Amino acid sequence: MLGSWLAGCSDTDWQTKDISGLMPPLEFDLTSESGETVVAQAFRGDVTLLFFGFTHCHDVCPTTMAHLDSIIGELDEEARGDLQVLFVSVDPSRDDPDTLREYTANYGPEFVGVTGTEDALNALTRRYRVTYSHGEKDETDHYDVSHPNAVFAFDREGKAQFLIRESDPRKVVIDDLRKLLGRRLGA
């Protein structure tokens, strides 16, 4: 659904999918991996990447997280210090703060796990026009979770700028991140 809605957007500013002016600013009230309430305003001043997933994911999540970690590793130290990756778990029944903290610790210090109540997650996913769903439990109580695989990029003021897709070339993503990180507040 997101892909078809964004198909009419122009890619004039970013090499990745330009969503500036099409999506609302970053806004949420969730629980962080430290167990405390966290709001989007806490990340103002940093470039923020937002990715929806869950820690029991065997393919999309670890691949995307490792890809982001590798790309971030190519940025200079100052840029890395101005960037946060929010891993939003859409599986709060299994992804408590300790589980999220252990999961994000596998990546760089820029990665922060957050989750919330079903209402909070539904509000956030509706806000960015994405969906997720939980599959049926099997005999061992395991279930899969479907979720989007794109990563939303927000500027230092929390405004949506571009979407990083699995098909985007690495160099394009790095170039767009450097450009976004080079923008200062109010610029």
Protein backbone atom coordinates (compact mmCIF):
# COMPACT_ATOMS: atom_id res chain seq x y z
CA MET A 1 0.00 0.00 0.00
CA LEU A 2 2.79 2.44 0.87
CA GLY A 3 4.58 1.77 -2.40
CA SER A 4 1.54 2.53 -4.54
CA TRP A 5 0.70 5.65 -2.55
CA LEU A 6 4.23 6.98 -2.96
CA ALA A 7 4.43 6.12 -6.65
CA GLY A 8 3.30 9.62 -7.58
CA CYS A 9 6.03 11.36 -5.60
CA SER A 10 8.87 13.10 -7.35
CA ASP A 11 12.45 12.15 -6.60
CA THR A 12 13.84 15.64 -7.17
CA ASP A 13 15.73 16.17 -3.92
CA TRP A 14 16.88 12.70 -2.86
CA GLN A 15 18.32 9.79 -4.81
CA THR A 16 16.26 7.43 -2.64
CA LYS A 17 12.45 7.78 -2.51
CA ASP A 18 11.62 11.40 -1.68
CA ILE A 19 8.79 11.57 0.89
CA SER A 20 9.42 15.12 2.08
CA GLY A 21 6.14 16.95 2.49
CA LEU A 22 4.16 13.72 2.08
CA MET A 23 4.48 12.20 5.53
CA PRO A 24 3.85 13.81 8.91
CA PRO A 25 6.68 14.68 11.30
CA LEU A 26 8.05 12.02 13.61
CA GLU A 27 5.69 11.71 16.55
CA PHE A 28 5.28 8.90 19.06
CA ASP A 29 4.99 8.01 22.73
CA LEU A 30 6.57 4.58 23.25
CA THR A 31 8.69 2.57 25.68
CA SER A 32 12.44 2.48 25.15
CA GLU A 33 14.79 -0.44 25.63
CA SER A 34 15.64 1.08 29.00
CA GLY A 35 12.02 0.60 30.07
CA GLU A 36 11.23 4.31 30.17
CA THR A 37 8.70 6.29 28.20
CA VAL A 38 10.27 8.01 25.23
CA VAL A 39 8.77 10.57 22.87
CA ALA A 40 9.90 11.60 19.40
CA GLN A 41 11.01 15.02 20.64
CA ALA A 42 13.84 13.31 22.52
CA PHE A 43 15.47 12.67 19.13
CA ARG A 44 15.18 16.22 17.78
CA GLY A 45 18.55 17.55 16.75
CA ASP A 46 19.61 14.15 15.36
CA VAL A 47 18.87 12.56 12.02
CA THR A 48 16.56 9.65 12.82
CA LEU A 49 15.99 6.45 10.88
CA LEU A 50 12.80 4.55 11.74
CA PHE A 51 12.46 0.85 11.04
CA PHE A 52 9.55 -1.41 12.04
CA GLY A 53 10.34 -5.03 12.89
CA PHE A 54 10.64 -7.59 15.69
CA THR A 55 13.52 -9.42 17.36
CA HIS A 56 12.37 -12.93 16.41
CA CYS A 57 12.52 -12.06 12.71
CA HIS A 58 14.86 -14.40 10.85
CA ASP A 59 15.39 -12.55 7.60
CA VAL A 60 14.30 -8.95 6.93
CA CYS A 61 15.16 -7.44 10.33
CA PRO A 62 18.67 -8.77 10.84
CA THR A 63 19.51 -8.11 7.19
CA THR A 64 18.20 -4.55 7.31
CA MET A 65 19.81 -3.81 10.67
CA ALA A 66 23.19 -5.19 9.54
CA HIS A 67 22.92 -3.21 6.29
CA LEU A 68 22.21 0.01 8.21
CA ASP A 69 25.05 -0.73 10.65
CA SER A 70 27.43 -1.26 7.75
CA ILE A 71 26.34 1.97 6.04
CA ILE A 72 26.63 3.93 9.29
CA GLY A 73 30.14 2.50 9.66
CA GLU A 74 31.13 4.35 6.49
CA LEU A 75 30.15 7.72 7.98
CA ASP A 76 32.65 9.78 9.93
CA GLU A 77 32.51 9.83 13.73
CA GLU A 78 30.73 13.20 13.95
CA ALA A 79 28.02 12.06 11.53
CA ARG A 80 27.52 8.81 13.46
CA GLY A 81 27.09 10.88 16.63
CA ASP A 82 24.27 12.82 14.98
CA LEU A 83 22.31 9.76 13.85
CA GLN A 84 19.87 7.47 15.64
CA VAL A 85 18.21 4.32 14.33
CA LEU A 86 14.92 3.57 16.04
CA PHE A 87 14.03 -0.10 15.82
CA VAL A 88 10.29 -0.14 16.54
CA SER A 89 9.19 -3.60 17.58
CA VAL A 90 5.66 -4.42 16.49
CA ASP A 91 5.79 -7.53 18.70
CA PRO A 92 5.64 -6.11 22.24
CA SER A 93 4.50 -9.38 23.82
CA ARG A 94 7.91 -10.94 23.07
CA ASP A 95 10.03 -7.79 22.78
CA ASP A 96 10.26 -6.39 26.28
CA PRO A 97 12.94 -3.75 27.06
CA ASP A 98 15.60 -6.34 27.99
CA THR A 99 15.04 -8.27 24.76
CA LEU A 100 15.18 -5.08 22.71
CA ARG A 101 18.37 -3.91 24.44
CA GLU A 102 20.07 -7.27 23.82
CA TYR A 103 18.98 -7.18 20.18
CA THR A 104 20.12 -3.63 19.41
CA ALA A 105 23.42 -4.26 21.22
CA ASN A 106 24.32 -6.50 18.26
CA TYR A 107 24.56 -3.35 16.17
CA GLY A 108 26.13 0.03 16.80
CA PRO A 109 25.45 2.47 19.62
CA GLU A 110 23.25 4.43 17.22
CA PHE A 111 20.55 1.72 17.46
CA VAL A 112 17.75 2.11 20.00
CA GLY A 113 14.89 -0.33 20.48
CA VAL A 114 11.40 0.95 21.23
CA THR A 115 7.97 -0.60 21.42
CA GLY A 116 4.58 0.19 22.89
CA THR A 117 1.06 -0.86 23.50
CA GLU A 118 -1.03 -2.13 20.61
CA ASP A 119 -2.82 1.24 20.50
CA ALA A 120 0.47 3.18 20.41
CA LEU A 121 1.91 0.94 17.68
CA ASN A 122 -1.28 1.11 15.64
CA ALA A 123 -1.27 4.91 15.88
CA LEU A 124 2.36 5.05 14.72
CA THR A 125 1.92 2.63 11.84
CA ARG A 126 -1.25 4.41 10.68
CA ARG A 127 0.63 7.70 10.84
CA TYR A 128 3.19 6.40 8.32
CA ARG A 129 0.67 4.35 6.32
CA VAL A 130 2.26 0.98 6.95
CA THR A 131 0.78 -2.21 8.28
CA TYR A 132 1.86 -5.14 10.39
CA SER A 133 0.10 -8.30 11.53
CA HIS A 134 0.74 -11.31 13.74
CA GLY A 135 0.33 -14.82 12.33
CA GLU A 136 -1.27 -17.75 14.07
CA LYS A 137 0.68 -19.42 16.86
CA ASP A 138 2.01 -22.89 16.10
CA GLU A 139 2.17 -25.80 18.57
CA THR A 140 5.27 -24.25 20.21
CA ASP A 141 3.59 -20.83 20.54
CA HIS A 142 5.82 -19.42 17.78
CA TYR A 143 4.29 -17.00 15.31
CA ASP A 144 5.50 -14.75 12.54
CA VAL A 145 4.93 -11.04 12.23
CA SER A 146 4.56 -9.32 8.89
CA HIS A 147 5.91 -5.79 8.78
CA PRO A 148 7.28 -3.22 6.31
CA ASN A 149 10.90 -3.47 5.25
CA ALA A 150 11.53 0.17 4.31
CA VAL A 151 13.36 2.61 6.57
CA PHE A 152 12.02 6.14 7.06
CA ALA A 153 14.61 8.94 7.29
CA PHE A 154 13.75 12.07 9.28
CA ASP A 155 15.73 15.29 9.49
CA ARG A 156 16.92 16.95 12.68
CA GLU A 157 13.54 18.66 13.13
CA GLY A 158 11.66 15.36 12.81
CA LYS A 159 10.40 15.97 9.26
CA ALA A 160 10.16 12.96 6.96
CA GLN A 161 12.65 13.24 4.08
CA PHE A 162 13.18 9.95 2.27
CA LEU A 163 12.54 6.26 2.34
CA ILE A 164 15.36 3.72 2.19
CA ARG A 165 14.26 0.63 0.31
CA GLU A 166 15.92 -2.75 0.01
CA SER A 167 16.52 -2.09 -3.70
CA ASP A 168 18.34 1.22 -3.16
CA PRO A 169 22.03 1.03 -4.09
CA ARG A 170 24.37 1.34 -1.12
CA LYS A 171 26.14 4.42 -2.52
CA VAL A 172 22.82 6.22 -3.01
CA VAL A 173 21.80 5.57 0.60
CA ILE A 174 25.18 6.74 1.92
CA ASP A 175 25.07 9.87 -0.26
CA ASP A 176 21.55 10.77 0.90
CA LEU A 177 22.43 10.17 4.55
CA ARG A 178 25.53 12.37 4.26
CA LYS A 179 23.45 15.09 2.63
CA LEU A 180 20.79 14.84 5.36
CA LEU A 181 23.39 14.80 8.13
CA GLY A 182 25.02 17.89 6.60
CA ARG A 183 21.82 19.88 7.06
CA ARG A 184 21.67 21.76 10.34
CA LEU A 185 18.56 22.76 12.27
CA GLY A 186 16.79 25.66 10.65
CA ALA A 187 18.76 25.28 7.41
